[in-house]
Protein backbone atom coordinates (compact mmCIF):
# COMPACT_ATOMS: atom_id res chain seq x y z
CA UNK A 1 0.00 0.00 0.00
CA UNK A 2 1.33 3.44 -0.97
CA UNK A 3 0.25 6.84 0.18
CA UNK A 4 1.25 10.41 -0.68
CA UNK A 5 1.53 13.41 1.60
CA UNK A 6 1.80 17.08 0.78
CA UNK A 7 3.57 19.34 3.29
CA UNK A 8 2.49 22.98 3.23
CA UNK A 9 4.12 26.12 4.59
CA UNK A 10 1.49 27.72 6.81
CA UNK A 11 3.51 30.95 7.00
CA UNK A 12 3.14 31.62 3.27
CA UNK A 13 -0.47 30.91 2.28
CA UNK A 14 -0.11 27.12 2.51
CA UNK A 15 2.43 26.90 -0.31
CA UNK A 16 3.41 23.28 -1.01
CA UNK A 17 7.08 22.81 -0.08
CA UNK A 18 7.54 19.03 0.28
CA UNK A 19 5.86 15.88 -0.92
CA UNK A 20 6.32 12.48 0.64
CA UNK A 21 5.60 9.05 -0.75
CA UNK A 22 5.04 6.39 1.89
CA UNK A 23 5.31 2.69 1.14
CA UNK A 24 3.78 0.75 4.01
CA UNK A 25 4.35 -2.68 2.50
CA UNK A 26 8.14 -2.21 2.30
CA UNK A 27 8.29 0.47 5.01
CA UNK A 28 9.87 3.07 2.75
CA UNK A 29 9.55 6.86 2.73
CA UNK A 30 10.70 9.21 -0.02
CA UNK A 31 10.77 12.99 0.56
CA UNK A 32 10.86 15.42 -2.37
CA UNK A 33 11.15 19.19 -2.55
CA UNK A 34 8.53 21.16 -4.46
CA UNK A 35 10.26 24.50 -4.13
CA UNK A 36 12.14 24.30 -7.42
CA UNK A 37 9.06 23.11 -9.29
CA UNK A 38 6.24 25.61 -8.62
CA UNK A 39 4.15 24.17 -11.46
CA UNK A 40 3.64 20.88 -9.60
CA UNK A 41 0.01 20.27 -8.87
CA UNK A 42 -0.93 20.72 -5.23
CA UNK A 43 -3.18 17.66 -5.15
CA UNK A 44 -1.52 14.69 -3.38
CA UNK A 45 -2.72 12.24 -6.06
CA UNK A 46 -1.03 14.28 -8.82
CA UNK A 47 2.47 14.49 -7.35
CA UNK A 48 4.82 13.72 -10.23
CA UNK A 49 8.13 15.00 -8.90
CA UNK A 50 11.31 14.14 -10.80
CA UNK A 51 13.80 11.82 -9.16
CA UNK A 52 16.42 14.59 -9.15
CA UNK A 53 14.15 16.47 -6.74
CA UNK A 54 14.30 13.71 -4.10
CA UNK A 55 15.96 15.10 -1.01
CA UNK A 56 15.82 12.11 1.29
CA UNK A 57 14.58 8.63 1.98
CA UNK A 58 14.04 6.29 4.89
CA UNK A 59 13.60 2.56 5.18
CA UNK A 60 13.25 -0.07 7.85
CA UNK A 61 12.01 -3.62 8.18
CA UNK A 62 10.03 -5.51 10.76
CA UNK A 63 13.10 -7.28 12.15
CA UNK A 64 14.93 -4.20 13.41
CA UNK A 65 14.15 -1.05 15.36
CA UNK A 66 16.72 1.03 13.46
CA UNK A 67 15.77 3.37 10.66
CA UNK A 68 18.15 3.83 7.72
CA UNK A 69 18.03 7.33 6.24
CA UNK A 70 19.66 9.12 3.34
CA UNK A 71 19.73 12.91 2.95
CA UNK A 72 20.58 14.47 -0.42
CA UNK A 73 22.31 11.20 -1.43
CA UNK A 74 25.45 12.41 0.32
CA UNK A 75 24.62 11.68 3.96
CA UNK A 76 23.56 8.23 5.10
CA UNK A 77 22.76 7.79 8.76
CA UNK A 78 20.72 5.65 11.14
CA UNK A 79 18.16 6.47 13.79
CA UNK A 80 18.40 4.04 16.70
CA UNK A 81 16.23 3.57 19.77
CA UNK A 82 17.70 4.78 23.05
CA UNK A 83 16.84 3.58 26.51
CA UNK A 84 15.01 0.44 27.56
CA UNK A 85 12.71 -0.55 24.66
CA UNK A 86 13.38 2.83 23.05
CA UNK A 87 11.51 4.78 25.70
CA UNK A 88 13.87 7.75 25.34
CA UNK A 89 13.11 7.98 21.63
CA UNK A 90 15.15 7.51 18.48
CA UNK A 91 18.52 9.27 18.21
CA UNK A 92 20.80 10.10 15.31
CA UNK A 93 23.99 12.01 14.61
CA UNK A 94 22.94 15.07 12.62
CA UNK A 95 24.81 15.32 9.30
CA UNK A 96 23.89 19.02 8.99
CA UNK A 97 24.98 19.92 12.54
CA UNK A 98 28.47 18.39 12.61
CA UNK A 99 27.34 15.11 14.17
CA UNK A 100 25.33 16.64 17.04
CA UNK A 101 23.13 14.08 18.80
CA UNK A 102 19.46 14.71 17.97
CA UNK A 103 16.40 12.81 19.17
CA UNK A 104 12.73 12.37 18.24
CA UNK A 105 10.68 11.37 21.25
CA UNK A 106 7.02 10.32 21.32
CA UNK A 107 4.32 10.38 24.00
CA UNK A 108 5.00 13.95 25.09
CA UNK A 109 2.57 16.08 27.07
CA UNK A 110 2.39 19.05 24.68
CA UNK A 111 2.73 17.25 21.29
CA UNK A 112 2.63 13.77 19.80
CA UNK A 113 6.38 13.94 19.21
CA UNK A 114 9.20 16.39 19.94
CA UNK A 115 12.66 16.75 18.45
CA UNK A 116 15.40 17.55 20.95
CA UNK A 117 18.91 18.78 20.23
CA UNK A 118 22.10 17.72 22.02
CA UNK A 119 21.23 20.00 24.97
CA UNK A 120 17.73 18.49 25.32
CA UNK A 121 16.18 21.73 24.00
CA UNK A 122 13.04 21.35 21.87
CA UNK A 123 13.78 22.12 18.21
CA UNK A 124 10.51 20.93 16.65
CA UNK A 125 7.12 19.59 17.66
CA UNK A 126 4.99 17.24 15.63
CA UNK A 127 1.32 16.37 15.84
CA UNK A 128 0.27 13.36 13.80
CA UNK A 129 -3.36 12.60 13.01
CA UNK A 130 -3.04 8.81 12.94
CA UNK A 131 -6.78 8.33 12.90
CA UNK A 132 -7.71 11.67 11.31
CA UNK A 133 -9.93 11.26 8.24
CA UNK A 134 -9.82 14.93 7.26
CA UNK A 135 -7.42 16.36 4.70
CA UNK A 136 -5.05 17.52 7.42
CA UNK A 137 -3.04 14.63 8.76
CA UNK A 138 -0.70 16.46 11.10
CA UNK A 139 1.60 19.38 11.71
CA UNK A 140 5.31 20.06 12.24
CA UNK A 141 6.19 23.21 14.14
CA UNK A 142 9.74 24.56 14.33
CA UNK A 143 10.31 25.99 17.79
CA UNK A 144 12.16 29.25 18.36
CA UNK A 145 15.36 29.92 16.51
CA UNK A 146 17.25 26.80 17.71
CA UNK A 147 16.76 25.18 14.30
CA UNK A 148 18.53 28.06 12.58
CA UNK A 149 22.24 27.69 12.28
CA UNK A 150 25.27 28.36 10.20
CA UNK A 151 23.48 29.67 7.12
CA UNK A 152 22.25 26.24 6.01
CA UNK A 153 18.78 26.30 7.54
CA UNK A 154 17.27 24.61 4.48
CA UNK A 155 19.34 21.45 4.92
CA UNK A 156 18.50 21.25 8.62
CA UNK A 157 14.80 21.82 7.87
CA UNK A 158 14.93 18.96 5.36
CA UNK A 159 16.64 16.76 7.95
CA UNK A 160 14.02 17.55 10.62
CA UNK A 161 11.12 16.89 8.23
CA UNK A 162 12.68 13.65 6.94
CA UNK A 163 13.51 12.26 10.38
CA UNK A 164 10.16 13.38 11.82
CA UNK A 165 8.14 11.70 9.07
CA UNK A 166 10.30 8.57 9.25
CA UNK A 167 9.81 8.37 13.02
CA UNK A 168 6.05 8.98 12.69
CA UNK A 169 5.82 6.21 10.09
CA UNK A 170 7.82 3.88 12.36
CA UNK A 171 5.51 4.63 15.33
CA UNK A 172 2.48 4.04 13.09
CA UNK A 173 3.95 0.72 11.95
CA UNK A 174 4.60 -0.35 15.57
CA UNK A 175 1.09 0.63 16.68
CA UNK A 176 -0.44 -1.34 13.80
CA UNK A 177 1.68 -4.37 14.72
CA UNK A 178 0.65 -4.08 18.38
CA UNK A 179 -3.04 -3.88 17.42
CA UNK A 180 -2.64 -6.92 15.18
CA UNK A 181 -1.00 -8.84 18.00
CA UNK A 182 -3.76 -7.82 20.42
CA UNK A 183 -6.46 -9.09 18.06
CA UNK A 184 -4.74 -12.40 17.36
C-alpha atoms as a PDB file:
ATOM      1  CA  UNK A   1       0.000   0.000   0.000  1.00  0.00           C
ATOM      2  CA  UNK A   2       1.329   3.437  -0.972  1.00  0.00           C
ATOM      3  CA  UNK A   3       0.254   6.845   0.179  1.00  0.00           C
ATOM      4  CA  UNK A   4       1.255  10.408  -0.678  1.00  0.00           C
ATOM      5  CA  UNK A   5       1.531  13.413   1.604  1.00  0.00           C
ATOM      6  CA  UNK A   6       1.802  17.076   0.785  1.00  0.00           C
ATOM      7  CA  UNK A   7       3.566  19.342   3.289  1.00  0.00           C
ATOM      8  CA  UNK A   8       2.491  22.976   3.230  1.00  0.00           C
ATOM      9  CA  UNK A   9       4.123  26.118   4.586  1.00  0.00           C
ATOM     10  CA  UNK A  10       1.486  27.725   6.807  1.00  0.00           C
ATOM     11  CA  UNK A  11       3.508  30.948   7.003  1.00  0.00           C
ATOM     12  CA  UNK A  12       3.142  31.616   3.271  1.00  0.00           C
ATOM     13  CA  UNK A  13      -0.469  30.914   2.282  1.00  0.00           C
ATOM     14  CA  UNK A  14      -0.111  27.124   2.508  1.00  0.00           C
ATOM     15  CA  UNK A  15       2.430  26.904  -0.314  1.00  0.00           C
ATOM     16  CA  UNK A  16       3.409  23.277  -1.010  1.00  0.00           C
ATOM     17  CA  UNK A  17       7.077  22.810  -0.080  1.00  0.00           C
ATOM     18  CA  UNK A  18       7.545  19.029   0.283  1.00  0.00           C
ATOM     19  CA  UNK A  19       5.861  15.883  -0.921  1.00  0.00           C
ATOM     20  CA  UNK A  20       6.319  12.480   0.635  1.00  0.00           C
ATOM     21  CA  UNK A  21       5.601   9.050  -0.747  1.00  0.00           C
ATOM     22  CA  UNK A  22       5.036   6.387   1.885  1.00  0.00           C
ATOM     23  CA  UNK A  23       5.307   2.693   1.136  1.00  0.00           C
ATOM     24  CA  UNK A  24       3.776   0.746   4.007  1.00  0.00           C
ATOM     25  CA  UNK A  25       4.348  -2.682   2.499  1.00  0.00           C
ATOM     26  CA  UNK A  26       8.137  -2.209   2.300  1.00  0.00           C
ATOM     27  CA  UNK A  27       8.291   0.474   5.015  1.00  0.00           C
ATOM     28  CA  UNK A  28       9.865   3.070   2.752  1.00  0.00           C
ATOM     29  CA  UNK A  29       9.546   6.855   2.728  1.00  0.00           C
ATOM     30  CA  UNK A  30      10.702   9.215  -0.019  1.00  0.00           C
ATOM     31  CA  UNK A  31      10.769  12.991   0.558  1.00  0.00           C
ATOM     32  CA  UNK A  32      10.860  15.424  -2.374  1.00  0.00           C
ATOM     33  CA  UNK A  33      11.148  19.186  -2.550  1.00  0.00           C
ATOM     34  CA  UNK A  34       8.533  21.156  -4.457  1.00  0.00           C
ATOM     35  CA  UNK A  35      10.264  24.499  -4.129  1.00  0.00           C
ATOM     36  CA  UNK A  36      12.145  24.296  -7.421  1.00  0.00           C
ATOM     37  CA  UNK A  37       9.059  23.108  -9.289  1.00  0.00           C
ATOM     38  CA  UNK A  38       6.238  25.610  -8.625  1.00  0.00           C
ATOM     39  CA  UNK A  39       4.154  24.168 -11.456  1.00  0.00           C
ATOM     40  CA  UNK A  40       3.645  20.878  -9.601  1.00  0.00           C
ATOM     41  CA  UNK A  41       0.008  20.274  -8.866  1.00  0.00           C
ATOM     42  CA  UNK A  42      -0.927  20.720  -5.232  1.00  0.00           C
ATOM     43  CA  UNK A  43      -3.178  17.662  -5.151  1.00  0.00           C
ATOM     44  CA  UNK A  44      -1.520  14.688  -3.380  1.00  0.00           C
ATOM     45  CA  UNK A  45      -2.722  12.239  -6.059  1.00  0.00           C
ATOM     46  CA  UNK A  46      -1.033  14.278  -8.817  1.00  0.00           C
ATOM     47  CA  UNK A  47       2.468  14.488  -7.351  1.00  0.00           C
ATOM     48  CA  UNK A  48       4.815  13.721 -10.229  1.00  0.00           C
ATOM     49  CA  UNK A  49       8.127  14.998  -8.897  1.00  0.00           C
ATOM     50  CA  UNK A  50      11.308  14.144 -10.798  1.00  0.00           C
ATOM     51  CA  UNK A  51      13.805  11.816  -9.161  1.00  0.00           C
ATOM     52  CA  UNK A  52      16.416  14.593  -9.153  1.00  0.00           C
ATOM     53  CA  UNK A  53      14.148  16.465  -6.739  1.00  0.00           C
ATOM     54  CA  UNK A  54      14.298  13.710  -4.098  1.00  0.00           C
ATOM     55  CA  UNK A  55      15.963  15.104  -1.006  1.00  0.00           C
ATOM     56  CA  UNK A  56      15.818  12.109   1.286  1.00  0.00           C
ATOM     57  CA  UNK A  57      14.581   8.633   1.978  1.00  0.00           C
ATOM     58  CA  UNK A  58      14.044   6.294   4.888  1.00  0.00           C
ATOM     59  CA  UNK A  59      13.601   2.559   5.177  1.00  0.00           C
ATOM     60  CA  UNK A  60      13.245  -0.072   7.848  1.00  0.00           C
ATOM     61  CA  UNK A  61      12.014  -3.623   8.178  1.00  0.00           C
ATOM     62  CA  UNK A  62      10.028  -5.508  10.759  1.00  0.00           C
ATOM     63  CA  UNK A  63      13.098  -7.284  12.149  1.00  0.00           C
ATOM     64  CA  UNK A  64      14.928  -4.199  13.412  1.00  0.00           C
ATOM     65  CA  UNK A  65      14.153  -1.049  15.361  1.00  0.00           C
ATOM     66  CA  UNK A  66      16.723   1.030  13.464  1.00  0.00           C
ATOM     67  CA  UNK A  67      15.772   3.372  10.656  1.00  0.00           C
ATOM     68  CA  UNK A  68      18.151   3.833   7.716  1.00  0.00           C
ATOM     69  CA  UNK A  69      18.035   7.328   6.243  1.00  0.00           C
ATOM     70  CA  UNK A  70      19.656   9.118   3.344  1.00  0.00           C
ATOM     71  CA  UNK A  71      19.730  12.907   2.951  1.00  0.00           C
ATOM     72  CA  UNK A  72      20.580  14.471  -0.423  1.00  0.00           C
ATOM     73  CA  UNK A  73      22.308  11.202  -1.432  1.00  0.00           C
ATOM     74  CA  UNK A  74      25.452  12.409   0.318  1.00  0.00           C
ATOM     75  CA  UNK A  75      24.625  11.680   3.957  1.00  0.00           C
ATOM     76  CA  UNK A  76      23.561   8.229   5.098  1.00  0.00           C
ATOM     77  CA  UNK A  77      22.759   7.786   8.758  1.00  0.00           C
ATOM     78  CA  UNK A  78      20.722   5.650  11.135  1.00  0.00           C
ATOM     79  CA  UNK A  79      18.157   6.467  13.792  1.00  0.00           C
ATOM     80  CA  UNK A  80      18.396   4.041  16.698  1.00  0.00           C
ATOM     81  CA  UNK A  81      16.231   3.573  19.772  1.00  0.00           C
ATOM     82  CA  UNK A  82      17.702   4.783  23.045  1.00  0.00           C
ATOM     83  CA  UNK A  83      16.842   3.577  26.511  1.00  0.00           C
ATOM     84  CA  UNK A  84      15.015   0.436  27.559  1.00  0.00           C
ATOM     85  CA  UNK A  85      12.713  -0.548  24.663  1.00  0.00           C
ATOM     86  CA  UNK A  86      13.382   2.827  23.052  1.00  0.00           C
ATOM     87  CA  UNK A  87      11.507   4.784  25.702  1.00  0.00           C
ATOM     88  CA  UNK A  88      13.873   7.750  25.343  1.00  0.00           C
ATOM     89  CA  UNK A  89      13.107   7.984  21.627  1.00  0.00           C
ATOM     90  CA  UNK A  90      15.154   7.505  18.483  1.00  0.00           C
ATOM     91  CA  UNK A  91      18.515   9.266  18.206  1.00  0.00           C
ATOM     92  CA  UNK A  92      20.802  10.098  15.306  1.00  0.00           C
ATOM     93  CA  UNK A  93      23.987  12.005  14.612  1.00  0.00           C
ATOM     94  CA  UNK A  94      22.942  15.075  12.618  1.00  0.00           C
ATOM     95  CA  UNK A  95      24.809  15.320   9.303  1.00  0.00           C
ATOM     96  CA  UNK A  96      23.891  19.019   8.988  1.00  0.00           C
ATOM     97  CA  UNK A  97      24.975  19.922  12.535  1.00  0.00           C
ATOM     98  CA  UNK A  98      28.471  18.387  12.615  1.00  0.00           C
ATOM     99  CA  UNK A  99      27.342  15.110  14.170  1.00  0.00           C
ATOM    100  CA  UNK A 100      25.334  16.635  17.039  1.00  0.00           C
ATOM    101  CA  UNK A 101      23.133  14.079  18.802  1.00  0.00           C
ATOM    102  CA  UNK A 102      19.457  14.708  17.967  1.00  0.00           C
ATOM    103  CA  UNK A 103      16.397  12.808  19.172  1.00  0.00           C
ATOM    104  CA  UNK A 104      12.730  12.371  18.245  1.00  0.00           C
ATOM    105  CA  UNK A 105      10.680  11.367  21.248  1.00  0.00           C
ATOM    106  CA  UNK A 106       7.021  10.318  21.318  1.00  0.00           C
ATOM    107  CA  UNK A 107       4.321  10.378  24.004  1.00  0.00           C
ATOM    108  CA  UNK A 108       4.996  13.950  25.085  1.00  0.00           C
ATOM    109  CA  UNK A 109       2.571  16.084  27.074  1.00  0.00           C
ATOM    110  CA  UNK A 110       2.391  19.047  24.682  1.00  0.00           C
ATOM    111  CA  UNK A 111       2.729  17.252  21.288  1.00  0.00           C
ATOM    112  CA  UNK A 112       2.628  13.770  19.797  1.00  0.00           C
ATOM    113  CA  UNK A 113       6.383  13.944  19.207  1.00  0.00           C
ATOM    114  CA  UNK A 114       9.197  16.389  19.944  1.00  0.00           C
ATOM    115  CA  UNK A 115      12.655  16.751  18.449  1.00  0.00           C
ATOM    116  CA  UNK A 116      15.397  17.554  20.946  1.00  0.00           C
ATOM    117  CA  UNK A 117      18.912  18.782  20.234  1.00  0.00           C
ATOM    118  CA  UNK A 118      22.103  17.716  22.022  1.00  0.00           C
ATOM    119  CA  UNK A 119      21.233  20.002  24.971  1.00  0.00           C
ATOM    120  CA  UNK A 120      17.731  18.486  25.318  1.00  0.00           C
ATOM    121  CA  UNK A 121      16.178  21.728  24.004  1.00  0.00           C
ATOM    122  CA  UNK A 122      13.043  21.354  21.872  1.00  0.00           C
ATOM    123  CA  UNK A 123      13.777  22.121  18.214  1.00  0.00           C
ATOM    124  CA  UNK A 124      10.506  20.934  16.653  1.00  0.00           C
ATOM    125  CA  UNK A 125       7.118  19.587  17.664  1.00  0.00           C
ATOM    126  CA  UNK A 126       4.987  17.240  15.629  1.00  0.00           C
ATOM    127  CA  UNK A 127       1.316  16.368  15.837  1.00  0.00           C
ATOM    128  CA  UNK A 128       0.271  13.358  13.799  1.00  0.00           C
ATOM    129  CA  UNK A 129      -3.358  12.604  13.014  1.00  0.00           C
ATOM    130  CA  UNK A 130      -3.039   8.814  12.937  1.00  0.00           C
ATOM    131  CA  UNK A 131      -6.783   8.332  12.903  1.00  0.00           C
ATOM    132  CA  UNK A 132      -7.711  11.665  11.309  1.00  0.00           C
ATOM    133  CA  UNK A 133      -9.925  11.261   8.245  1.00  0.00           C
ATOM    134  CA  UNK A 134      -9.816  14.925   7.261  1.00  0.00           C
ATOM    135  CA  UNK A 135      -7.425  16.365   4.697  1.00  0.00           C
ATOM    136  CA  UNK A 136      -5.046  17.522   7.424  1.00  0.00           C
ATOM    137  CA  UNK A 137      -3.037  14.634   8.757  1.00  0.00           C
ATOM    138  CA  UNK A 138      -0.701  16.463  11.101  1.00  0.00           C
ATOM    139  CA  UNK A 139       1.596  19.385  11.711  1.00  0.00           C
ATOM    140  CA  UNK A 140       5.312  20.055  12.242  1.00  0.00           C
ATOM    141  CA  UNK A 141       6.189  23.212  14.141  1.00  0.00           C
ATOM    142  CA  UNK A 142       9.737  24.558  14.327  1.00  0.00           C
ATOM    143  CA  UNK A 143      10.307  25.986  17.790  1.00  0.00           C
ATOM    144  CA  UNK A 144      12.163  29.246  18.360  1.00  0.00           C
ATOM    145  CA  UNK A 145      15.360  29.918  16.510  1.00  0.00           C
ATOM    146  CA  UNK A 146      17.248  26.802  17.708  1.00  0.00           C
ATOM    147  CA  UNK A 147      16.761  25.181  14.296  1.00  0.00           C
ATOM    148  CA  UNK A 148      18.529  28.060  12.584  1.00  0.00           C
ATOM    149  CA  UNK A 149      22.241  27.690  12.281  1.00  0.00           C
ATOM    150  CA  UNK A 150      25.274  28.364  10.198  1.00  0.00           C
ATOM    151  CA  UNK A 151      23.478  29.671   7.123  1.00  0.00           C
ATOM    152  CA  UNK A 152      22.253  26.243   6.011  1.00  0.00           C
ATOM    153  CA  UNK A 153      18.776  26.299   7.538  1.00  0.00           C
ATOM    154  CA  UNK A 154      17.274  24.612   4.475  1.00  0.00           C
ATOM    155  CA  UNK A 155      19.340  21.450   4.915  1.00  0.00           C
ATOM    156  CA  UNK A 156      18.500  21.255   8.618  1.00  0.00           C
ATOM    157  CA  UNK A 157      14.804  21.821   7.875  1.00  0.00           C
ATOM    158  CA  UNK A 158      14.930  18.963   5.357  1.00  0.00           C
ATOM    159  CA  UNK A 159      16.645  16.760   7.954  1.00  0.00           C
ATOM    160  CA  UNK A 160      14.017  17.554  10.618  1.00  0.00           C
ATOM    161  CA  UNK A 161      11.116  16.890   8.234  1.00  0.00           C
ATOM    162  CA  UNK A 162      12.677  13.652   6.936  1.00  0.00           C
ATOM    163  CA  UNK A 163      13.514  12.258  10.382  1.00  0.00           C
ATOM    164  CA  UNK A 164      10.157  13.380  11.819  1.00  0.00           C
ATOM    165  CA  UNK A 165       8.142  11.702   9.074  1.00  0.00           C
ATOM    166  CA  UNK A 166      10.302   8.574   9.250  1.00  0.00           C
ATOM    167  CA  UNK A 167       9.815   8.369  13.019  1.00  0.00           C
ATOM    168  CA  UNK A 168       6.050   8.975  12.694  1.00  0.00           C
ATOM    169  CA  UNK A 169       5.824   6.207  10.087  1.00  0.00           C
ATOM    170  CA  UNK A 170       7.819   3.884  12.362  1.00  0.00           C
ATOM    171  CA  UNK A 171       5.513   4.632  15.329  1.00  0.00           C
ATOM    172  CA  UNK A 172       2.478   4.038  13.095  1.00  0.00           C
ATOM    173  CA  UNK A 173       3.951   0.719  11.949  1.00  0.00           C
ATOM    174  CA  UNK A 174       4.598  -0.354  15.572  1.00  0.00           C
ATOM    175  CA  UNK A 175       1.086   0.635  16.676  1.00  0.00           C
ATOM    176  CA  UNK A 176      -0.443  -1.340  13.804  1.00  0.00           C
ATOM    177  CA  UNK A 177       1.683  -4.369  14.723  1.00  0.00           C
ATOM    178  CA  UNK A 178       0.646  -4.077  18.380  1.00  0.00           C
ATOM    179  CA  UNK A 179      -3.039  -3.875  17.421  1.00  0.00           C
ATOM    180  CA  UNK A 180      -2.639  -6.921  15.185  1.00  0.00           C
ATOM    181  CA  UNK A 181      -1.000  -8.843  18.004  1.00  0.00           C
ATOM    182  CA  UNK A 182      -3.757  -7.817  20.422  1.00  0.00           C
ATOM    183  CA  UNK A 183      -6.460  -9.086  18.059  1.00  0.00           C
ATOM    184  CA  UNK A 184      -4.735 -12.400  17.362  1.00  0.00           C
END
